[in-house]
Amino acid sequence: MADKSIDEDGSFREIVERLTAKYSEVPADRVAQIVGEVRGEMSTAKVRDFVPVLAEREAKKRIKAERP
């Protein structure tokens, strides 16, 4: 069985890549910071299966709120 933390790490890297491409006017380091903050807030979730999806949605909201 694969290590789920490795799968989740890969999912979060992909989220940063997608959101950086989608919101190119926002600096990539800021996108990564927002995604990291959201991930940290969800670190205590007992069921991890949907954390990347929920984190991406929340990160999008925060990025949209900051856009120039």
PDB file of N, CA and C in Angstrom:
ATOM      1  N   MET A   1       0.846  -1.187   0.000  1.00  0.00           N
ATOM      2  CA  MET A   1       0.000   0.000   0.000  1.00  0.00           C
ATOM      3  C   MET A   1       0.886   1.243   0.000  1.00  0.00           C
ATOM      4  N   ALA A   2       0.561   2.201  -0.830  1.00  0.00           N
ATOM      5  CA  ALA A   2       1.349   3.433  -0.933  1.00  0.00           C
ATOM      6  C   ALA A   2       1.142   4.301   0.301  1.00  0.00           C
ATOM      7  N   ASP A   3       2.163   5.062   0.607  1.00  0.00           N
ATOM      8  CA  ASP A   3       2.094   5.986   1.738  1.00  0.00           C
ATOM      9  C   ASP A   3       1.206   7.160   1.345  1.00  0.00           C
ATOM     10  N   LYS A   4       0.096   7.346   2.066  1.00  0.00           N
ATOM     11  CA  LYS A   4      -0.858   8.410   1.719  1.00  0.00           C
ATOM     12  C   LYS A   4      -0.267   9.802   1.870  1.00  0.00           C
ATOM     13  N   SER A   5       0.687   9.970   2.800  1.00  0.00           N
ATOM     14  CA  SER A   5       1.280  11.301   2.966  1.00  0.00           C
ATOM     15  C   SER A   5       2.062  11.697   1.728  1.00  0.00           C
ATOM     16  N   ILE A   6       2.692  10.717   1.063  1.00  0.00           N
ATOM     17  CA  ILE A   6       3.416  11.014  -0.171  1.00  0.00           C
ATOM     18  C   ILE A   6       2.424  11.407  -1.259  1.00  0.00           C
ATOM     19  N   ASP A   7       1.321  10.669  -1.369  1.00  0.00           N
ATOM     20  CA  ASP A   7       0.284  11.000  -2.348  1.00  0.00           C
ATOM     21  C   ASP A   7      -0.271  12.395  -2.089  1.00  0.00           C
ATOM     22  N   GLU A   8      -0.493  12.724  -0.823  1.00  0.00           N
ATOM     23  CA  GLU A   8      -1.032  14.038  -0.479  1.00  0.00           C
ATOM     24  C   GLU A   8      -0.019  15.132  -0.809  1.00  0.00           C
ATOM     25  N   ASP A   9       1.253  14.893  -0.553  1.00  0.00           N
ATOM     26  CA  ASP A   9       2.285  15.874  -0.902  1.00  0.00           C
ATOM     27  C   ASP A   9       2.259  16.162  -2.399  1.00  0.00           C
ATOM     28  N   GLY A  10       2.157  15.114  -3.197  1.00  0.00           N
ATOM     29  CA  GLY A  10       2.088  15.284  -4.647  1.00  0.00           C
ATOM     30  C   GLY A  10       0.848  16.050  -5.066  1.00  0.00           C
ATOM     31  N   SER A  11      -0.255  15.766  -4.424  1.00  0.00           N
ATOM     32  CA  SER A  11      -1.500  16.480  -4.724  1.00  0.00           C
ATOM     33  C   SER A  11      -1.349  17.968  -4.448  1.00  0.00           C
ATOM     34  N   PHE A  12      -0.698  18.302  -3.348  1.00  0.00           N
ATOM     35  CA  PHE A  12      -0.531  19.714  -3.016  1.00  0.00           C
ATOM     36  C   PHE A  12       0.454  20.407  -3.955  1.00  0.00           C
ATOM     37  N   ARG A  13       1.462  19.700  -4.416  1.00  0.00           N
ATOM     38  CA  ARG A  13       2.358  20.290  -5.426  1.00  0.00           C
ATOM     39  C   ARG A  13       1.575  20.598  -6.699  1.00  0.00           C
ATOM     40  N   GLU A  14       0.710  19.669  -7.099  1.00  0.00           N
ATOM     41  CA  GLU A  14      -0.117  19.880  -8.290  1.00  0.00           C
ATOM     42  C   GLU A  14      -1.085  21.044  -8.100  1.00  0.00           C
ATOM     43  N   ILE A  15      -1.632  21.182  -6.921  1.00  0.00           N
ATOM     44  CA  ILE A  15      -2.533  22.303  -6.630  1.00  0.00           C
ATOM     45  C   ILE A  15      -1.798  23.619  -6.801  1.00  0.00           C
ATOM     46  N   VAL A  16      -0.599  23.716  -6.250  1.00  0.00           N
ATOM     47  CA  VAL A  16       0.189  24.949  -6.384  1.00  0.00           C
ATOM     48  C   VAL A  16       0.459  25.232  -7.856  1.00  0.00           C
ATOM     49  N   GLU A  17       0.834  24.209  -8.622  1.00  0.00           N
ATOM     50  CA  GLU A  17       1.096  24.396 -10.054  1.00  0.00           C
ATOM     51  C   GLU A  17      -0.155  24.887 -10.785  1.00  0.00           C
ATOM     52  N   ARG A  18      -1.290  24.255 -10.532  1.00  0.00           N
ATOM     53  CA  ARG A  18      -2.541  24.650 -11.207  1.00  0.00           C
ATOM     54  C   ARG A  18      -2.940  26.076 -10.872  1.00  0.00           C
ATOM     55  N   LEU A  19      -2.888  26.411  -9.582  1.00  0.00           N
ATOM     56  CA  LEU A  19      -3.328  27.742  -9.174  1.00  0.00           C
ATOM     57  C   LEU A  19      -2.344  28.817  -9.613  1.00  0.00           C
ATOM     58  N   THR A  20      -1.068  28.491  -9.665  1.00  0.00           N
ATOM     59  CA  THR A  20      -0.069  29.443 -10.157  1.00  0.00           C
ATOM     60  C   THR A  20      -0.320  29.745 -11.631  1.00  0.00           C
ATOM     61  N   ALA A  21      -0.648  28.720 -12.397  1.00  0.00           N
ATOM     62  CA  ALA A  21      -0.944  28.918 -13.818  1.00  0.00           C
ATOM     63  C   ALA A  21      -2.253  29.683 -14.007  1.00  0.00           C
ATOM     64  N   LYS A  22      -3.254  29.358 -13.221  1.00  0.00           N
ATOM     65  CA  LYS A  22      -4.570  29.988 -13.367  1.00  0.00           C
ATOM     66  C   LYS A  22      -4.560  31.451 -12.939  1.00  0.00           C
ATOM     67  N   TYR A  23      -3.831  31.752 -11.884  1.00  0.00           N
ATOM     68  CA  TYR A  23      -3.786  33.115 -11.342  1.00  0.00           C
ATOM     69  C   TYR A  23      -2.375  33.674 -11.510  1.00  0.00           C
ATOM     70  N   SER A  24      -1.972  33.823 -12.755  1.00  0.00           N
ATOM     71  CA  SER A  24      -0.592  34.229 -13.061  1.00  0.00           C
ATOM     72  C   SER A  24      -0.262  35.635 -12.572  1.00  0.00           C
ATOM     73  N   GLU A  25      -1.278  36.439 -12.290  1.00  0.00           N
ATOM     74  CA  GLU A  25      -1.025  37.790 -11.790  1.00  0.00           C
ATOM     75  C   GLU A  25      -0.633  37.788 -10.308  1.00  0.00           C
ATOM     76  N   VAL A  26      -0.849  36.666  -9.638  1.00  0.00           N
ATOM     77  CA  VAL A  26      -0.466  36.517  -8.231  1.00  0.00           C
ATOM     78  C   VAL A  26       0.897  35.831  -8.199  1.00  0.00           C
ATOM     79  N   PRO A  27       1.859  36.373  -7.462  1.00  0.00           N
ATOM     80  CA  PRO A  27       3.188  35.747  -7.415  1.00  0.00           C
ATOM     81  C   PRO A  27       3.115  34.281  -6.969  1.00  0.00           C
ATOM     82  N   ALA A  28       3.912  33.443  -7.609  1.00  0.00           N
ATOM     83  CA  ALA A  28       3.908  32.005  -7.326  1.00  0.00           C
ATOM     84  C   ALA A  28       4.196  31.707  -5.859  1.00  0.00           C
ATOM     85  N   ASP A  29       5.091  32.483  -5.255  1.00  0.00           N
ATOM     86  CA  ASP A  29       5.400  32.229  -3.845  1.00  0.00           C
ATOM     87  C   ASP A  29       4.201  32.545  -2.951  1.00  0.00           C
ATOM     88  N   ARG A  30       3.393  33.509  -3.342  1.00  0.00           N
ATOM     89  CA  ARG A  30       2.188  33.832  -2.563  1.00  0.00           C
ATOM     90  C   ARG A  30       1.152  32.718  -2.703  1.00  0.00           C
ATOM     91  N   VAL A  31       0.997  32.194  -3.917  1.00  0.00           N
ATOM     92  CA  VAL A  31       0.079  31.072  -4.131  1.00  0.00           C
ATOM     93  C   VAL A  31       0.509  29.892  -3.259  1.00  0.00           C
ATOM     94  N   ALA A  32       1.792  29.577  -3.272  1.00  0.00           N
ATOM     95  CA  ALA A  32       2.307  28.469  -2.464  1.00  0.00           C
ATOM     96  C   ALA A  32       2.079  28.722  -0.975  1.00  0.00           C
ATOM     97  N   GLN A  33       2.237  29.961  -0.562  1.00  0.00           N
ATOM     98  CA  GLN A  33       2.023  30.306   0.843  1.00  0.00           C
ATOM     99  C   GLN A  33       0.559  30.092   1.236  1.00  0.00           C
ATOM    100  N   ILE A  34      -0.349  30.552   0.399  1.00  0.00           N
ATOM    101  CA  ILE A  34      -1.779  30.392   0.681  1.00  0.00           C
ATOM    102  C   ILE A  34      -2.145  28.910   0.754  1.00  0.00           C
ATOM    103  N   VAL A  35      -1.673  28.137  -0.213  1.00  0.00           N
ATOM    104  CA  VAL A  35      -1.967  26.700  -0.213  1.00  0.00           C
ATOM    105  C   VAL A  35      -1.396  26.053   1.048  1.00  0.00           C
ATOM    106  N   GLY A  36      -0.202  26.447   1.437  1.00  0.00           N
ATOM    107  CA  GLY A  36       0.407  25.916   2.654  1.00  0.00           C
ATOM    108  C   GLY A  36      -0.380  26.273   3.905  1.00  0.00           C
ATOM    109  N   GLU A  37      -0.877  27.508   3.951  1.00  0.00           N
ATOM    110  CA  GLU A  37      -1.691  27.931   5.097  1.00  0.00           C
ATOM    111  C   GLU A  37      -2.968  27.104   5.195  1.00  0.00           C
ATOM    112  N   VAL A  38      -3.621  26.934   4.059  1.00  0.00           N
ATOM    113  CA  VAL A  38      -4.867  26.162   4.040  1.00  0.00           C
ATOM    114  C   VAL A  38      -4.587  24.712   4.435  1.00  0.00           C
ATOM    115  N   ARG A  39      -3.522  24.158   3.904  1.00  0.00           N
ATOM    116  CA  ARG A  39      -3.164  22.776   4.251  1.00  0.00           C
ATOM    117  C   ARG A  39      -2.922  22.649   5.754  1.00  0.00           C
ATOM    118  N   GLY A  40      -2.232  23.607   6.317  1.00  0.00           N
ATOM    119  CA  GLY A  40      -1.977  23.587   7.754  1.00  0.00           C
ATOM    120  C   GLY A  40      -3.255  23.632   8.570  1.00  0.00           C
ATOM    121  N   GLU A  41      -4.203  24.434   8.117  1.00  0.00           N
ATOM    122  CA  GLU A  41      -5.482  24.541   8.818  1.00  0.00           C
ATOM    123  C   GLU A  41      -6.269  23.234   8.778  1.00  0.00           C
ATOM    124  N   MET A  42      -6.006  22.431   7.752  1.00  0.00           N
ATOM    125  CA  MET A  42      -6.719  21.164   7.601  1.00  0.00           C
ATOM    126  C   MET A  42      -5.903  19.979   8.108  1.00  0.00           C
ATOM    127  N   SER A  43      -4.823  20.249   8.785  1.00  0.00           N
ATOM    128  CA  SER A  43      -3.913  19.176   9.202  1.00  0.00           C
ATOM    129  C   SER A  43      -4.514  18.222  10.228  1.00  0.00           C
ATOM    130  N   THR A  44      -5.536  18.656  10.928  1.00  0.00           N
ATOM    131  CA  THR A  44      -6.133  17.790  11.946  1.00  0.00           C
ATOM    132  C   THR A  44      -7.337  16.998  11.439  1.00  0.00           C
ATOM    133  N   ALA A  45      -7.638  17.131  10.155  1.00  0.00           N
ATOM    134  CA  ALA A  45      -8.776  16.389   9.597  1.00  0.00           C
ATOM    135  C   ALA A  45      -8.539  14.889   9.755  1.00  0.00           C
ATOM    136  N   LYS A  46      -9.523  14.203  10.252  1.00  0.00           N
ATOM    137  CA  LYS A  46      -9.391  12.759  10.483  1.00  0.00           C
ATOM    138  C   LYS A  46      -9.462  11.972   9.169  1.00  0.00           C
ATOM    139  N   VAL A  47     -10.343  12.378   8.279  1.00  0.00           N
ATOM    140  CA  VAL A  47     -10.468  11.735   6.973  1.00  0.00           C
ATOM    141  C   VAL A  47      -9.687  12.584   5.977  1.00  0.00           C
ATOM    142  N   ARG A  48      -8.630  12.020   5.412  1.00  0.00           N
ATOM    143  CA  ARG A  48      -7.711  12.776   4.570  1.00  0.00           C
ATOM    144  C   ARG A  48      -8.079  12.741   3.084  1.00  0.00           C
ATOM    145  N   ASP A  49      -8.976  11.860   2.690  1.00  0.00           N
ATOM    146  CA  ASP A  49      -9.248  11.637   1.272  1.00  0.00           C
ATOM    147  C   ASP A  49      -9.639  12.896   0.512  1.00  0.00           C
ATOM    148  N   PHE A  50     -10.387  13.781   1.133  1.00  0.00           N
ATOM    149  CA  PHE A  50     -10.898  14.955   0.430  1.00  0.00           C
ATOM    150  C   PHE A  50     -10.156  16.241   0.776  1.00  0.00           C
ATOM    151  N   VAL A  51      -9.139  16.151   1.599  1.00  0.00           N
ATOM    152  CA  VAL A  51      -8.405  17.348   2.018  1.00  0.00           C
ATOM    153  C   VAL A  51      -7.843  18.119   0.826  1.00  0.00           C
ATOM    154  N   PRO A  52      -7.177  17.476  -0.146  1.00  0.00           N
ATOM    155  CA  PRO A  52      -6.665  18.265  -1.278  1.00  0.00           C
ATOM    156  C   PRO A  52      -7.756  19.019  -2.045  1.00  0.00           C
ATOM    157  N   VAL A  53      -8.893  18.386  -2.263  1.00  0.00           N
ATOM    158  CA  VAL A  53      -9.991  19.035  -2.995  1.00  0.00           C
ATOM    159  C   VAL A  53     -10.522  20.232  -2.212  1.00  0.00           C
ATOM    160  N   LEU A  54     -10.762  20.023  -0.938  1.00  0.00           N
ATOM    161  CA  LEU A  54     -11.281  21.107  -0.100  1.00  0.00           C
ATOM    162  C   LEU A  54     -10.260  22.227   0.053  1.00  0.00           C
ATOM    163  N   ALA A  55      -9.001  21.866   0.169  1.00  0.00           N
ATOM    164  CA  ALA A  55      -7.948  22.870   0.304  1.00  0.00           C
ATOM    165  C   ALA A  55      -7.822  23.702  -0.968  1.00  0.00           C
ATOM    166  N   GLU A  56      -7.934  23.061  -2.120  1.00  0.00           N
ATOM    167  CA  GLU A  56      -7.841  23.807  -3.380  1.00  0.00           C
ATOM    168  C   GLU A  56      -8.996  24.802  -3.500  1.00  0.00           C
ATOM    169  N   ARG A  57     -10.180  24.397  -3.129  1.00  0.00           N
ATOM    170  CA  ARG A  57     -11.333  25.310  -3.175  1.00  0.00           C
ATOM    171  C   ARG A  57     -11.118  26.521  -2.269  1.00  0.00           C
ATOM    172  N   GLU A  58     -10.656  26.266  -1.056  1.00  0.00           N
ATOM    173  CA  GLU A  58     -10.423  27.361  -0.110  1.00  0.00           C
ATOM    174  C   GLU A  58      -9.291  28.262  -0.591  1.00  0.00           C
ATOM    175  N   ALA A  59      -8.240  27.676  -1.129  1.00  0.00           N
ATOM    176  CA  ALA A  59      -7.117  28.474  -1.634  1.00  0.00           C
ATOM    177  C   ALA A  59      -7.576  29.365  -2.788  1.00  0.00           C
ATOM    178  N   LYS A  60      -8.412  28.840  -3.675  1.00  0.00           N
ATOM    179  CA  LYS A  60      -8.946  29.646  -4.780  1.00  0.00           C
ATOM    180  C   LYS A  60      -9.699  30.860  -4.247  1.00  0.00           C
ATOM    181  N   LYS A  61     -10.532  30.647  -3.238  1.00  0.00           N
ATOM    182  CA  LYS A  61     -11.290  31.762  -2.653  1.00  0.00           C
ATOM    183  C   LYS A  61     -10.351  32.838  -2.128  1.00  0.00           C
ATOM    184  N   ARG A  62      -9.323  32.411  -1.430  1.00  0.00           N
ATOM    185  CA  ARG A  62      -8.389  33.377  -0.840  1.00  0.00           C
ATOM    186  C   ARG A  62      -7.578  34.106  -1.907  1.00  0.00           C
ATOM    187  N   ILE A  63      -7.175  33.386  -2.936  1.00  0.00           N
ATOM    188  CA  ILE A  63      -6.413  34.015  -4.022  1.00  0.00           C
ATOM    189  C   ILE A  63      -7.290  35.027  -4.748  1.00  0.00           C
ATOM    190  N   LYS A  64      -8.522  34.664  -5.045  1.00  0.00           N
ATOM    191  CA  LYS A  64      -9.441  35.589  -5.717  1.00  0.00           C
ATOM    192  C   LYS A  64      -9.648  36.848  -4.887  1.00  0.00           C
ATOM    193  N   ALA A  65      -9.710  36.698  -3.580  1.00  0.00           N
ATOM    194  CA  ALA A  65      -9.910  37.850  -2.694  1.00  0.00           C
ATOM    195  C   ALA A  65      -8.707  38.789  -2.704  1.00  0.00           C
ATOM    196  N   GLU A  66      -7.537  38.282  -3.023  1.00  0.00           N
ATOM    197  CA  GLU A  66      -6.310  39.092  -3.024  1.00  0.00           C
ATOM    198  C   GLU A  66      -5.943  39.656  -4.386  1.00  0.00           C
ATOM    199  N   ARG A  67      -6.584  39.154  -5.436  1.00  0.00           N
ATOM    200  CA  ARG A  67      -6.179  39.576  -6.783  1.00  0.00           C
ATOM    201  C   ARG A  67      -6.290  41.074  -6.940  1.00  0.00           C
ATOM    202  N   PRO A  68      -5.352  41.631  -7.701  1.00  0.00           N
ATOM    203  CA  PRO A  68      -5.399  43.092  -7.954  1.00  0.00           C
ATOM    204  C   PRO A  68      -6.580  43.484  -8.823  1.00  0.00           C
TER     205      PRO A  68
END
